[in-house]
Structures are given as C-alpha cells and as structure tokens.
Amino acid sequence: MDRTVNQSIHFLDPHTGAHTNPIEATWPSVKVFLGQYNRGEDNEFHFAHYMFAARCKAEGIPPYLQFLHLVANIVWCMCRVPRSPARAT
C-alpha cells in the first residue's frame, strides 16, 4: 500500500500514520554508498547492491557468503537470459 504525506500540512498523516522518517534517515547512507560510483549510470544495480549489503549487515551475515548461498540455490534452468540484440554488419 502506497502512502503519501503532504509535508506542507503535517509531517505525520493523522489518518494513516504515514511519515517520511525512514527514507529521510536512509538517504544519506545511500548517497555515501553511491558516491563511489558514477551516479549517472547503472543506478538500479548500485541501489540493489546497497540494499543487499544493508540487509546483510542488519542480519549479521557476511555479504560474500550470502551471495554464494543465493547463487548456489538458484534453479538455473528456470532463469531466462536476455538475448543480446543482433549486430548490424
């Protein structure tokens, strides 16, 4: 369920309880993490990397070991690999 907050009226929606504190607290960490990359390219990949690393840290799991666990448990025959576009000759 998407919730919005009109901060020109209030910072906590009295009807839904929605507020922006979590994203406002998280955004500085995301910007620091993305600072090592070119923010203009591959933003989705780098943001996914941040989310993966943050989740591993919160759960106390070494990211490299979690990555290996995930890769080892993928049912590869069910994965579709996008075909690269045909080259013009």
C-alpha atoms as a PDB file:
ATOM      1  CA  MET A   1       0.000   0.000   0.000  1.00  0.00           C
ATOM      2  CA  ASP A   2       1.450   3.345  -1.048  1.00  0.00           C
ATOM      3  CA  ARG A   3       1.122   6.183   1.386  1.00  0.00           C
ATOM      4  CA  THR A   4       1.877   9.838   0.829  1.00  0.00           C
ATOM      5  CA  VAL A   5       2.438  12.717   3.192  1.00  0.00           C
ATOM      6  CA  ASN A   6       1.815  16.346   2.335  1.00  0.00           C
ATOM      7  CA  GLN A   7       4.579  17.935   4.402  1.00  0.00           C
ATOM      8  CA  SER A   8       3.246  21.436   3.782  1.00  0.00           C
ATOM      9  CA  ILE A   9       0.337  20.420   6.046  1.00  0.00           C
ATOM     10  CA  HIS A  10       1.935  17.978   8.537  1.00  0.00           C
ATOM     11  CA  PHE A  11       4.862  15.577   8.851  1.00  0.00           C
ATOM     12  CA  LEU A  12       2.762  12.677  10.151  1.00  0.00           C
ATOM     13  CA  ASP A  13      -0.508  11.889   8.429  1.00  0.00           C
ATOM     14  CA  PRO A  14      -3.032  11.732  11.306  1.00  0.00           C
ATOM     15  CA  HIS A  15      -5.299   9.302   9.413  1.00  0.00           C
ATOM     16  CA  THR A  16      -2.807   6.738   8.100  1.00  0.00           C
ATOM     17  CA  GLY A  17       0.197   7.303  10.358  1.00  0.00           C
ATOM     18  CA  ALA A  18       2.391   7.656   7.248  1.00  0.00           C
ATOM     19  CA  HIS A  19       5.621   9.623   7.598  1.00  0.00           C
ATOM     20  CA  THR A  20       8.917  10.031   5.752  1.00  0.00           C
ATOM     21  CA  ASN A  21      11.346   9.447   8.620  1.00  0.00           C
ATOM     22  CA  PRO A  22      12.694   6.059   7.414  1.00  0.00           C
ATOM     23  CA  ILE A  23      13.590   7.205   3.903  1.00  0.00           C
ATOM     24  CA  GLU A  24      14.962  10.529   5.138  1.00  0.00           C
ATOM     25  CA  ALA A  25      17.167   8.680   7.629  1.00  0.00           C
ATOM     26  CA  THR A  26      18.324   6.162   4.989  1.00  0.00           C
ATOM     27  CA  TRP A  27      19.006   8.513   2.091  1.00  0.00           C
ATOM     28  CA  PRO A  28      22.332   9.953   3.426  1.00  0.00           C
ATOM     29  CA  SER A  29      23.724   6.407   3.738  1.00  0.00           C
ATOM     30  CA  VAL A  30      22.601   5.592   0.211  1.00  0.00           C
ATOM     31  CA  LYS A  31      24.278   8.733  -1.153  1.00  0.00           C
ATOM     32  CA  VAL A  32      27.551   7.887   0.610  1.00  0.00           C
ATOM     33  CA  PHE A  33      27.425   4.331  -0.750  1.00  0.00           C
ATOM     34  CA  LEU A  34      26.643   5.522  -4.278  1.00  0.00           C
ATOM     35  CA  GLY A  35      29.343   8.178  -4.090  1.00  0.00           C
ATOM     36  CA  GLN A  36      31.976   5.622  -5.053  1.00  0.00           C
ATOM     37  CA  TYR A  37      30.167   5.016  -8.342  1.00  0.00           C
ATOM     38  CA  ASN A  38      29.148   7.236 -11.197  1.00  0.00           C
ATOM     39  CA  ARG A  39      25.630   8.105 -10.098  1.00  0.00           C
ATOM     40  CA  GLY A  40      24.566   8.712 -13.691  1.00  0.00           C
ATOM     41  CA  GLU A  41      24.952   5.088 -14.781  1.00  0.00           C
ATOM     42  CA  ASP A  42      23.594   1.776 -13.528  1.00  0.00           C
ATOM     43  CA  ASN A  43      21.712   3.353 -10.629  1.00  0.00           C
ATOM     44  CA  GLU A  44      19.378   0.383 -10.314  1.00  0.00           C
ATOM     45  CA  PHE A  45      22.293  -2.041  -9.960  1.00  0.00           C
ATOM     46  CA  HIS A  46      24.114   0.092  -7.403  1.00  0.00           C
ATOM     47  CA  PHE A  47      20.964   0.707  -5.383  1.00  0.00           C
ATOM     48  CA  ALA A  48      20.231  -3.046  -5.364  1.00  0.00           C
ATOM     49  CA  HIS A  49      23.833  -3.594  -4.206  1.00  0.00           C
ATOM     50  CA  TYR A  50      23.285  -1.097  -1.375  1.00  0.00           C
ATOM     51  CA  MET A  51      20.039  -2.791  -0.320  1.00  0.00           C
ATOM     52  CA  PHE A  52      21.697  -6.237  -0.365  1.00  0.00           C
ATOM     53  CA  ALA A  53      24.670  -5.028   1.682  1.00  0.00           C
ATOM     54  CA  ALA A  54      22.444  -3.172   4.174  1.00  0.00           C
ATOM     55  CA  ARG A  55      20.223  -6.230   4.658  1.00  0.00           C
ATOM     56  CA  CYS A  56      23.234  -8.486   5.223  1.00  0.00           C
ATOM     57  CA  LYS A  57      24.645  -6.024   7.752  1.00  0.00           C
ATOM     58  CA  ALA A  58      21.319  -5.788   9.596  1.00  0.00           C
ATOM     59  CA  GLU A  59      21.108  -9.584   9.795  1.00  0.00           C
ATOM     60  CA  GLY A  60      24.779 -10.020  10.716  1.00  0.00           C
ATOM     61  CA  ILE A  61      25.507 -12.115   7.627  1.00  0.00           C
ATOM     62  CA  PRO A  62      28.744 -11.691   5.654  1.00  0.00           C
ATOM     63  CA  PRO A  63      27.623 -10.384   2.216  1.00  0.00           C
ATOM     64  CA  TYR A  64      30.017 -12.593   0.255  1.00  0.00           C
ATOM     65  CA  LEU A  65      28.782 -15.752   1.969  1.00  0.00           C
ATOM     66  CA  GLN A  66      25.160 -14.715   1.481  1.00  0.00           C
ATOM     67  CA  PHE A  67      25.830 -14.073  -2.207  1.00  0.00           C
ATOM     68  CA  LEU A  68      27.384 -17.536  -2.579  1.00  0.00           C
ATOM     69  CA  HIS A  69      24.404 -19.075  -0.783  1.00  0.00           C
ATOM     70  CA  LEU A  70      21.951 -17.327  -3.106  1.00  0.00           C
ATOM     71  CA  VAL A  71      23.853 -18.299  -6.250  1.00  0.00           C
ATOM     72  CA  ALA A  72      24.171 -21.919  -5.111  1.00  0.00           C
ATOM     73  CA  ASN A  73      20.408 -22.159  -4.564  1.00  0.00           C
ATOM     74  CA  ILE A  74      19.235 -20.678  -7.850  1.00  0.00           C
ATOM     75  CA  VAL A  75      17.404 -23.065 -10.141  1.00  0.00           C
ATOM     76  CA  TRP A  76      19.371 -22.016 -13.186  1.00  0.00           C
ATOM     77  CA  CYS A  77      17.245 -23.890 -15.709  1.00  0.00           C
ATOM     78  CA  MET A  78      14.351 -21.603 -14.727  1.00  0.00           C
ATOM     79  CA  CYS A  79      16.315 -18.421 -15.461  1.00  0.00           C
ATOM     80  CA  ARG A  80      15.875 -16.620 -18.734  1.00  0.00           C
ATOM     81  CA  VAL A  81      18.911 -14.904 -20.114  1.00  0.00           C
ATOM     82  CA  PRO A  82      18.041 -11.933 -22.312  1.00  0.00           C
ATOM     83  CA  ARG A  83      19.442 -12.287 -25.773  1.00  0.00           C
ATOM     84  CA  SER A  84      21.719  -9.528 -26.948  1.00  0.00           C
ATOM     85  CA  PRO A  85      20.466  -7.603 -29.972  1.00  0.00           C
ATOM     86  CA  ALA A  86      21.701  -8.793 -33.343  1.00  0.00           C
ATOM     87  CA  ARG A  87      24.741  -6.971 -34.574  1.00  0.00           C
ATOM     88  CA  ALA A  88      24.481  -4.917 -37.705  1.00  0.00           C
ATOM     89  CA  THR A  89      27.036  -5.973 -40.296  1.00  0.00           C
END
